[in-house]
Protein backbone atom coordinates (compact mmCIF):
# COMPACT_ATOMS: atom_id res chain seq x y z
CA UNK A 1 0.00 0.00 0.00
CA UNK A 2 1.36 3.42 -0.95
CA UNK A 3 0.41 6.83 0.40
CA UNK A 4 -1.94 7.76 -2.49
CA UNK A 5 -3.88 4.51 -2.20
CA UNK A 6 -4.16 5.05 1.53
CA UNK A 7 -5.34 8.65 1.00
CA UNK A 8 -7.97 7.53 -1.51
CA UNK A 9 -9.11 4.93 1.01
CA UNK A 10 -9.51 7.76 3.53
CA UNK A 11 -11.63 9.74 1.04
CA UNK A 12 -13.89 6.71 0.58
CA UNK A 13 -14.13 6.25 4.36
CA UNK A 14 -15.14 9.89 4.85
CA UNK A 15 -17.63 9.84 1.96
CA UNK A 16 -19.37 6.86 3.57
CA UNK A 17 -19.41 8.69 6.93
CA UNK A 18 -21.49 11.88 6.54
CA UNK A 19 -22.37 11.88 10.28
CA UNK A 20 -20.90 10.44 13.47
CA UNK A 21 -23.48 7.64 13.27
CA UNK A 22 -22.29 6.72 9.79
CA UNK A 23 -18.65 6.97 10.85
CA UNK A 24 -19.29 4.30 13.47
CA UNK A 25 -21.22 2.17 10.98
CA UNK A 26 -18.41 2.47 8.41
CA UNK A 27 -15.86 1.61 11.12
CA UNK A 28 -17.89 -1.43 12.15
CA UNK A 29 -17.90 -2.69 8.55
CA UNK A 30 -14.12 -2.30 8.41
CA UNK A 31 -13.66 -4.14 11.70
CA UNK A 32 -16.16 -6.88 10.82
CA UNK A 33 -14.34 -7.58 7.57
CA UNK A 34 -11.12 -8.05 9.56
CA UNK A 35 -12.39 -10.56 12.08
CA UNK A 36 -13.45 -8.34 14.96
CA UNK A 37 -16.35 -9.41 17.19
CA UNK A 38 -18.97 -6.92 18.42
CA UNK A 39 -19.58 -6.99 22.18
CA UNK A 40 -22.87 -6.22 23.91
CA UNK A 41 -22.56 -3.79 26.82
CA UNK A 42 -25.58 -5.40 28.48
CA UNK A 43 -24.09 -8.87 28.57
CA UNK A 44 -21.05 -10.44 30.26
CA UNK A 45 -17.88 -10.53 28.18
CA UNK A 46 -15.76 -13.64 27.64
CA UNK A 47 -12.56 -12.29 26.15
CA UNK A 48 -9.69 -14.45 24.95
CA UNK A 49 -6.01 -13.73 24.32
CA UNK A 50 -5.67 -13.16 20.59
CA UNK A 51 -9.27 -11.97 20.34
CA UNK A 52 -10.32 -8.86 18.41
CA UNK A 53 -13.35 -6.97 19.70
CA UNK A 54 -15.31 -3.71 19.57
CA UNK A 55 -18.20 -2.07 21.40
CA UNK A 56 -20.28 0.99 20.47
CA UNK A 57 -22.02 3.72 22.45
CA UNK A 58 -25.02 5.73 21.25
CA UNK A 59 -24.29 4.43 17.73
CA UNK A 60 -21.89 7.38 17.44
CA UNK A 61 -18.80 6.30 19.42
CA UNK A 62 -16.80 3.08 19.15
CA UNK A 63 -13.96 1.41 21.03
CA UNK A 64 -12.07 -1.44 19.35
CA UNK A 65 -9.26 -3.50 20.85
CA UNK A 66 -7.02 -6.53 20.38
CA UNK A 67 -5.95 -8.70 23.32
CA UNK A 68 -2.28 -9.38 22.53
CA UNK A 69 -1.41 -10.97 25.87
CA UNK A 70 -2.75 -11.69 29.34
CA UNK A 71 0.11 -9.85 31.03
CA UNK A 72 -1.66 -6.50 30.93
CA UNK A 73 -0.84 -5.57 34.54
CA UNK A 74 2.76 -5.12 33.33
CA UNK A 75 2.28 -4.35 29.64
CA UNK A 76 -0.82 -2.15 29.90
CA UNK A 77 -3.02 -0.62 27.24
CA UNK A 78 -1.76 1.20 24.13
CA UNK A 79 -4.58 3.65 23.37
CA UNK A 80 -5.15 5.96 20.39
CA UNK A 81 -8.08 8.36 20.80
CA UNK A 82 -9.90 10.45 18.20
CA UNK A 83 -13.45 11.64 17.54
CA UNK A 84 -16.25 10.92 15.08
CA UNK A 85 -18.05 14.28 14.91
CA UNK A 86 -17.44 17.39 12.81
CA UNK A 87 -19.03 20.87 12.72
CA UNK A 88 -22.37 20.87 10.93
CA UNK A 89 -26.01 21.92 11.17
CA UNK A 90 -28.58 19.79 12.96
CA UNK A 91 -32.16 19.78 11.72
CA UNK A 92 -34.55 21.07 14.38
CA UNK A 93 -37.92 19.50 15.27
CA UNK A 94 -40.82 20.89 13.23
CA UNK A 95 -38.18 22.05 10.77
CA UNK A 96 -40.25 22.85 7.67
CA UNK A 97 -40.68 26.58 7.01
CA UNK A 98 -42.16 28.45 4.08
CA UNK A 99 -40.95 31.75 2.70
CA UNK A 100 -42.99 34.03 0.45
CA UNK A 101 -45.52 31.18 0.18
CA UNK A 102 -43.21 29.85 -2.53
CA UNK A 103 -40.06 28.38 -0.96
CA UNK A 104 -39.58 25.46 1.42
CA UNK A 105 -36.64 25.75 3.78
CA UNK A 106 -35.51 23.92 6.93
CA UNK A 107 -34.94 25.27 10.41
CA UNK A 108 -31.52 24.17 11.65
CA UNK A 109 -29.21 24.65 14.61
CA UNK A 110 -25.46 25.05 14.29
CA UNK A 111 -23.40 22.15 15.71
CA UNK A 112 -19.88 23.05 16.80
CA UNK A 113 -17.87 25.86 15.23
CA UNK A 114 -17.96 25.70 11.43
CA UNK A 115 -16.62 28.43 9.15
CA UNK A 116 -20.11 29.54 8.18
CA UNK A 117 -19.36 31.13 4.82
CA UNK A 118 -18.00 27.85 3.44
CA UNK A 119 -21.43 26.23 3.77
CA UNK A 120 -23.04 28.63 1.31
CA UNK A 121 -23.87 27.76 -2.31
CA UNK A 122 -22.94 24.09 -2.00
CA UNK A 123 -25.18 21.08 -2.65
CA UNK A 124 -25.98 19.62 0.77
CA UNK A 125 -27.20 16.19 1.80
CA UNK A 126 -29.12 15.14 4.92
CA UNK A 127 -28.17 12.11 7.00
CA UNK A 128 -28.29 10.84 10.56
CA UNK A 129 -30.19 8.54 12.90
CA UNK A 130 -33.91 7.73 13.03
CA UNK A 131 -35.60 6.10 16.02
CA UNK A 132 -38.56 3.80 15.35
CA UNK A 133 -41.31 2.32 17.53
CA UNK A 134 -41.03 -1.22 18.89
CA UNK A 135 -43.12 -3.28 21.28
CA UNK A 136 -40.62 -2.39 24.03
CA UNK A 137 -41.04 1.27 24.97
CA UNK A 138 -37.65 1.41 26.70
CA UNK A 139 -35.85 -0.07 23.71
CA UNK A 140 -36.90 1.62 20.45
CA UNK A 141 -35.09 0.70 17.24
CA UNK A 142 -32.28 2.83 15.86
CA UNK A 143 -31.52 3.00 12.14
CA UNK A 144 -29.11 5.24 10.30
CA UNK A 145 -30.25 6.99 7.17
CA UNK A 146 -28.72 8.97 4.33
CA UNK A 147 -31.08 10.57 1.84
CA UNK A 148 -28.10 10.13 -0.49
CA UNK A 149 -28.88 13.01 -2.81
CA UNK A 150 -28.27 16.76 -2.84
CA UNK A 151 -31.41 17.80 -0.97
CA UNK A 152 -30.81 21.46 -0.16
CA UNK A 153 -28.54 24.49 -0.47
CA UNK A 154 -27.87 27.64 1.56
CA UNK A 155 -27.90 30.44 -1.03
CA UNK A 156 -25.81 33.58 -0.70
CA UNK A 157 -27.33 37.05 -0.96
CA UNK A 158 -26.27 38.69 -4.22
CA UNK A 159 -23.47 41.22 -3.85
CA UNK A 160 -25.77 43.85 -5.39
CA UNK A 161 -27.85 43.65 -2.21
CA UNK A 162 -24.91 43.24 0.17
CA UNK A 163 -22.19 45.51 -1.19
CA UNK A 164 -19.96 45.16 1.90
CA UNK A 165 -19.94 41.35 1.94
CA UNK A 166 -16.25 41.21 0.92
CA UNK A 167 -15.35 43.63 3.70
CA UNK A 168 -16.53 41.22 6.38
CA UNK A 169 -20.05 40.04 7.08
CA UNK A 170 -21.39 38.56 10.32
CA UNK A 171 -23.62 35.65 9.34
CA UNK A 172 -26.67 35.18 11.51
CA UNK A 173 -27.13 31.44 12.13
CA UNK A 174 -30.89 31.70 12.47
CA UNK A 175 -31.43 33.96 9.47
CA UNK A 176 -28.64 33.52 6.95
CA UNK A 177 -27.85 29.83 7.34
CA UNK A 178 -31.20 28.13 6.73
CA UNK A 179 -31.13 25.71 3.77
CA UNK A 180 -33.50 26.00 0.83
CA UNK A 181 -35.15 22.69 -0.11
CA UNK A 182 -37.42 23.49 -3.03
CA UNK A 183 -40.46 25.25 -4.45
CA UNK A 184 -43.81 24.63 -2.84
CA UNK A 185 -46.38 23.03 -5.16
CA UNK A 186 -48.72 20.07 -5.35
CA UNK A 187 -45.83 17.59 -5.19
CA UNK A 188 -43.86 19.41 -2.50
CA UNK A 189 -45.89 20.41 0.54
CA UNK A 190 -44.61 22.15 3.63
CA UNK A 191 -46.01 19.72 6.20
CA UNK A 192 -44.08 16.55 6.99
CA UNK A 193 -41.58 16.89 4.14
CA UNK A 194 -38.82 15.24 6.15
CA UNK A 195 -41.01 12.51 7.59
CA UNK A 196 -42.21 11.61 4.10
CA UNK A 197 -38.62 11.48 2.85
CA UNK A 198 -37.65 9.23 5.75
CA UNK A 199 -40.71 7.05 5.17
CA UNK A 200 -39.77 6.51 1.55
CA UNK A 201 -36.11 5.95 2.29
CA UNK A 202 -36.63 3.49 5.15
CA UNK A 203 -39.80 1.80 3.94
CA UNK A 204 -41.67 2.41 7.19
CA UNK A 205 -44.89 4.10 8.21
CA UNK A 206 -44.70 7.72 9.33
CA UNK A 207 -46.50 6.72 12.53
CA UNK A 208 -43.55 4.45 13.43
CA UNK A 209 -41.02 7.31 13.31
CA UNK A 210 -40.65 8.64 16.85
CA UNK A 211 -37.72 11.03 16.45
CA UNK A 212 -34.48 11.65 14.59
CA UNK A 213 -30.99 13.20 14.73
CA UNK A 214 -30.43 14.59 11.23
CA UNK A 215 -27.52 16.72 10.02
CA UNK A 216 -26.53 18.56 6.87
CA UNK A 217 -23.34 17.54 5.06
CA UNK A 218 -21.48 18.50 1.89
CA UNK A 219 -22.69 16.12 -0.79
CA UNK A 220 -19.65 16.32 -3.07
CA UNK A 221 -17.00 13.64 -2.49
CA UNK A 222 -13.44 14.57 -1.57
CA UNK A 223 -10.55 14.20 -3.98
CA UNK A 224 -6.80 14.34 -4.40
CA UNK A 225 -5.61 17.66 -5.84
CA UNK A 226 -2.40 19.56 -6.47
CA UNK A 227 0.28 19.48 -9.17
CA UNK A 228 1.28 15.99 -8.04
CA UNK A 229 -1.96 15.06 -6.26
CA UNK A 230 -0.17 15.73 -2.98
CA UNK A 231 -3.20 17.23 -1.21
CA UNK A 232 -6.41 15.71 0.17
CA UNK A 233 -9.41 18.02 -0.27
CA UNK A 234 -12.38 16.79 1.73
CA UNK A 235 -14.90 17.63 4.38
CA UNK A 236 -14.59 16.10 7.86
CA UNK A 237 -10.84 15.47 7.73
CA UNK A 238 -11.14 16.79 11.29
CA UNK A 239 -11.26 14.22 12.70
CA UNK A 240 -12.14 11.21 10.58
CA UNK A 241 -8.58 11.22 9.23
CA UNK A 242 -7.30 10.22 12.67
CA UNK A 243 -10.09 7.67 13.17
CA UNK A 244 -9.17 6.11 9.80
CA UNK A 245 -5.43 6.04 10.51
CA UNK A 246 -5.84 4.53 13.98
CA UNK A 247 -8.32 1.86 12.88
CA UNK A 248 -6.08 0.74 10.03
CA UNK A 249 -3.06 0.69 12.33
CA UNK A 250 -4.96 -1.45 14.83
CA UNK A 251 -5.98 -3.89 12.09
CA UNK A 252 -2.59 -4.14 10.40
CA UNK A 253 -0.20 -4.12 13.38
CA UNK A 254 1.29 -7.34 14.75
CA UNK A 255 1.42 -6.51 18.43
CA UNK A 256 2.37 -9.03 21.10
CA UNK A 257 2.21 -6.98 24.28
CA UNK A 258 -0.72 -5.82 26.37
CA UNK A 259 -3.86 -4.61 24.65
CA UNK A 260 -4.07 -2.29 21.65
CA UNK A 261 -7.05 0.08 21.79
CA UNK A 262 -8.74 2.54 19.41
CA UNK A 263 -11.22 4.93 21.06
CA UNK A 264 -13.34 7.09 18.76
CA UNK A 265 -15.42 9.45 20.89
CA UNK A 266 -18.35 11.62 19.84
CA UNK A 267 -19.19 15.27 20.61
CA UNK A 268 -15.63 16.62 20.79
CA UNK A 269 -16.75 19.64 18.77
CA UNK A 270 -19.21 20.66 21.50
CA UNK A 271 -17.18 19.94 24.63
CA UNK A 272 -17.29 16.12 25.00
CA UNK A 273 -19.64 16.24 28.02
CA UNK A 274 -21.90 13.39 26.91
CA UNK A 275 -22.12 9.69 27.73
CA UNK A 276 -20.36 8.96 24.43
CA UNK A 277 -17.84 11.80 24.76
CA UNK A 278 -14.30 11.89 26.15
CA UNK A 279 -15.58 13.66 29.28
CA UNK A 280 -17.29 10.45 30.44
CA UNK A 281 -16.23 7.17 32.04
CA UNK A 282 -16.94 5.26 28.82
CA UNK A 283 -13.31 4.38 28.07
CA UNK A 284 -12.36 3.80 31.70
CA UNK A 285 -15.32 1.47 32.23
CA UNK A 286 -14.49 -0.55 29.12
CA UNK A 287 -10.86 -0.94 30.18
CA UNK A 288 -12.01 -2.20 33.58
CA UNK A 289 -14.43 -4.64 31.96
CA UNK A 290 -11.58 -5.98 29.82
CA UNK A 291 -9.55 -6.62 32.97
CA UNK A 292 -12.51 -8.29 34.71
CA UNK A 293 -13.13 -10.57 31.73
CA UNK A 294 -9.48 -11.60 31.72
CA UNK A 295 -9.69 -12.55 35.41
CA UNK A 296 -7.75 -9.62 36.80
CA UNK A 297 -8.24 -8.23 40.30
CA UNK A 298 -9.08 -4.60 41.05
CA UNK A 299 -5.43 -4.05 42.02
CA UNK A 300 -4.28 -5.58 38.73
CA UNK A 301 -6.68 -3.27 36.87
CA UNK A 302 -4.94 -0.27 38.41
CA UNK A 303 -1.47 -1.60 37.62
CA UNK A 304 -2.66 -2.21 34.04
CA UNK A 305 -3.87 1.38 33.80
CA UNK A 306 -0.63 2.79 35.16
CA UNK A 307 1.38 0.70 32.70
CA UNK A 308 -0.46 2.35 29.81
CA UNK A 309 0.07 5.19 27.33
CA UNK A 310 -2.36 7.23 25.22
CA UNK A 311 -1.99 9.09 21.94
CA UNK A 312 -4.70 11.72 21.61
CA UNK A 313 -4.96 12.28 17.86
CA UNK A 314 -6.68 15.31 16.39
CA UNK A 315 -5.64 17.40 13.41
CA UNK A 316 -3.20 20.31 13.74
CA UNK A 317 -2.84 23.73 12.13
CA UNK A 318 -0.31 24.06 9.31
CA UNK A 319 1.22 27.47 8.60
CA UNK A 320 -1.06 29.21 6.11
CA UNK A 321 0.86 30.25 2.97
CA UNK A 322 -1.09 33.51 2.66
CA UNK A 323 -1.27 34.43 6.35
CA UNK A 324 1.96 33.08 7.91
CA UNK A 325 1.99 35.67 10.69
CA UNK A 326 -0.76 33.79 12.57
CA UNK A 327 1.75 31.15 13.70
CA UNK A 328 4.43 31.09 16.38
CA UNK A 329 7.72 32.58 15.13
CA UNK A 330 9.85 29.47 15.78
CA UNK A 331 7.44 26.51 15.69
CA UNK A 332 5.98 26.44 12.19
CA UNK A 333 4.58 23.11 10.99
CA UNK A 334 3.79 22.77 7.30
CA UNK A 335 2.01 20.14 5.28
CA UNK A 336 4.13 17.33 3.89
CA UNK A 337 6.70 17.33 6.70
CA UNK A 338 5.13 14.80 9.04
CA UNK A 339 2.95 14.55 12.16
CA UNK A 340 2.67 17.49 14.54
CA UNK A 341 3.17 17.27 18.30
CA UNK A 342 0.88 19.83 19.94
CA UNK A 343 2.10 21.71 23.01
CA UNK A 344 0.46 24.28 25.30
CA UNK A 345 1.76 25.71 28.58
CA UNK A 346 -1.80 26.06 29.91
CA UNK A 347 -2.55 22.37 29.32
CA UNK A 348 -4.90 22.73 26.36
CA UNK A 349 -2.92 19.69 25.19
CA UNK A 350 -1.67 16.77 27.30
CA UNK A 351 1.83 16.74 25.79
CA UNK A 352 4.66 17.13 28.28
CA UNK A 353 8.38 16.39 28.01
CA UNK A 354 7.86 12.74 29.06
CA UNK A 355 5.05 11.94 26.62
CA UNK A 356 6.63 14.01 23.85
CA UNK A 357 9.85 12.02 24.24
CA UNK A 358 7.91 8.77 23.88
CA UNK A 359 6.22 9.91 20.67
CA UNK A 360 9.46 11.31 19.22
CA UNK A 361 11.07 7.92 19.82
CA UNK A 362 8.12 6.21 18.09
CA UNK A 363 8.59 8.53 15.10
CA UNK A 364 12.30 7.72 14.99
CA UNK A 365 11.56 3.98 15.10
CA UNK A 366 9.01 4.40 12.28
CA UNK A 367 11.48 6.56 10.31
CA UNK A 368 8.98 9.41 10.22
CA UNK A 369 9.83 13.09 10.60
CA UNK A 370 7.86 15.07 13.18
CA UNK A 371 7.05 18.74 13.80
CA UNK A 372 5.92 20.75 16.82
CA UNK A 373 3.08 23.23 17.19
CA UNK A 374 2.70 25.94 19.82
CA UNK A 375 0.26 28.83 19.57
CA UNK A 376 1.47 32.38 19.32
CA UNK A 377 1.53 33.70 22.89
CA UNK A 378 -1.06 36.35 22.00
CA UNK A 379 -3.49 33.91 20.36
CA UNK A 380 -5.82 31.57 22.20
CA UNK A 381 -5.93 28.19 20.47
CA UNK A 382 -8.27 25.24 20.67
CA UNK A 383 -8.16 22.03 22.66
CA UNK A 384 -9.13 18.41 22.08
CA UNK A 385 -10.02 15.10 23.73
CA UNK A 386 -6.61 14.60 25.38
CA UNK A 387 -6.95 16.91 28.41
CA UNK A 388 -10.61 15.97 28.84
CA UNK A 389 -9.88 12.25 28.78
CA UNK A 390 -6.99 12.73 31.23
CA UNK A 391 -9.44 13.86 33.92
CA UNK A 392 -10.91 10.33 33.79
CA UNK A 393 -7.82 8.31 32.85
CA UNK A 394 -4.70 9.65 34.54
CA UNK A 395 -1.99 8.13 32.36
CA UNK A 396 0.77 9.64 30.21
CA UNK A 397 -0.67 11.13 27.02
CA UNK A 398 0.55 13.10 24.03
CA UNK A 399 -1.51 15.21 21.62
CA UNK A 400 -0.57 14.80 17.96
CA UNK A 401 -2.17 15.22 14.55
CA UNK A 402 -1.58 15.72 10.86
CA UNK A 403 -1.23 19.38 9.81
CA UNK A 404 -4.05 20.78 7.67
CA UNK A 405 -5.35 24.09 6.33
CA UNK A 406 -8.90 25.45 6.62
CA UNK A 407 -9.82 23.52 9.77
CA UNK A 408 -13.61 23.60 10.31
CA UNK A 409 -14.28 24.67 6.75
CA UNK A 410 -16.86 22.53 4.99
CA UNK A 411 -13.87 21.34 2.93
CA UNK A 412 -10.47 21.04 4.61
CA UNK A 413 -7.05 20.50 3.03
CA UNK A 414 -4.53 17.91 4.16
CA UNK A 415 -1.44 16.14 2.84
CA UNK A 416 -1.29 12.66 1.32
CA UNK A 417 2.14 11.96 2.82
CA UNK A 418 1.26 13.27 6.28
CA UNK A 419 -1.73 10.95 6.56
CA UNK A 420 0.41 7.95 5.68
CA UNK A 421 3.21 9.10 7.98
CA UNK A 422 1.00 9.40 11.05
CA UNK A 423 -0.50 6.00 10.26
CA UNK A 424 3.02 4.55 10.32
CA UNK A 425 3.64 6.02 13.78
CA UNK A 426 0.36 4.53 15.05
CA UNK A 427 1.31 1.17 13.53
CA UNK A 428 4.72 1.28 15.24
CA UNK A 429 3.13 2.30 18.57
CA UNK A 430 0.99 -0.84 18.51
CA UNK A 431 3.98 -3.08 17.80
CA UNK A 432 6.66 -1.84 20.21
């Protein structure tokens, strides 16, 4: 496998994952095809050395692992964390709205922090989760759905009516960002448009649809671009690129120590404070259940935890070629030069000299160059799952990621070689 094939595989993975629910479904298909067994959280686990397993939460988070040995109290867990969600717009209840008694549009709510202007004038799809009635009130049925067509668009206002738009315009999320669906007529009525679409797509009765979590997404598939096809242009690189790299490393590595773990959380873009987010005991509880199933004592669970290491993987900011002054004067990562170690004195990242040294050594073993990122001291940067997860799992952790441009745009830009390089470091991490 070369870097371009791996990058194209990433594009396919992202295209099949328009929402966090679909990302988990796509990940499950990948794991199933490689011999992994799905576990049920409501039943006892009977894990075996050499076994490959995964478990999901809320249909939007997934943890997969391979039991390499039974000596986990000394060899610990090797964990790579990432997240399944990306900035978007969620469809509100009672979403159908008419305008001028001629247009049908949808009422939406912004999810996370997208660059709003990039969502305008693009064909948009609708996908997500639908919950259906069953005979058991406490256990309704979940199905994922993708209308799988360009359903709507958020049109710009013509420059003739907004002469200052190129001088900076503050988009109003409730007014400017509502998607247009179509023209009202006999075949397109305002009431129950979405429910009728879901009915037709799923082959169910409208009365059986209880609720849904639906999101907008860019319909156009990503692609390789550049003079030598060195760039990856796609939506949701943040952070499905890291989910893709870690899953493939888990599958392809030949580890023989401890337990290799991939944890793909949901809701990082909105703070992680959900049952399926990094600010929960989801990962910690699963690690303890693994120890219990392997016959370990509570004391051995703790020694297993404190013999562990975590890589928190989320994309990093490359120096922008047009606006280079936004970066730190001496730490200036660029695309094509390898993974980025993210550092922050105020602990927005978990990286410290100990964990950084571990990852640098992994890079050296994998023969991969690395870079370092620190914010300008007068610019407040973002954070990620690493520090949040550390409040529940107090083990050494380093924050890393591939450098990209246009983070949180509807279409981000990454490097073919960087994606393959960080995969190689993940692969090496699971084998050392």
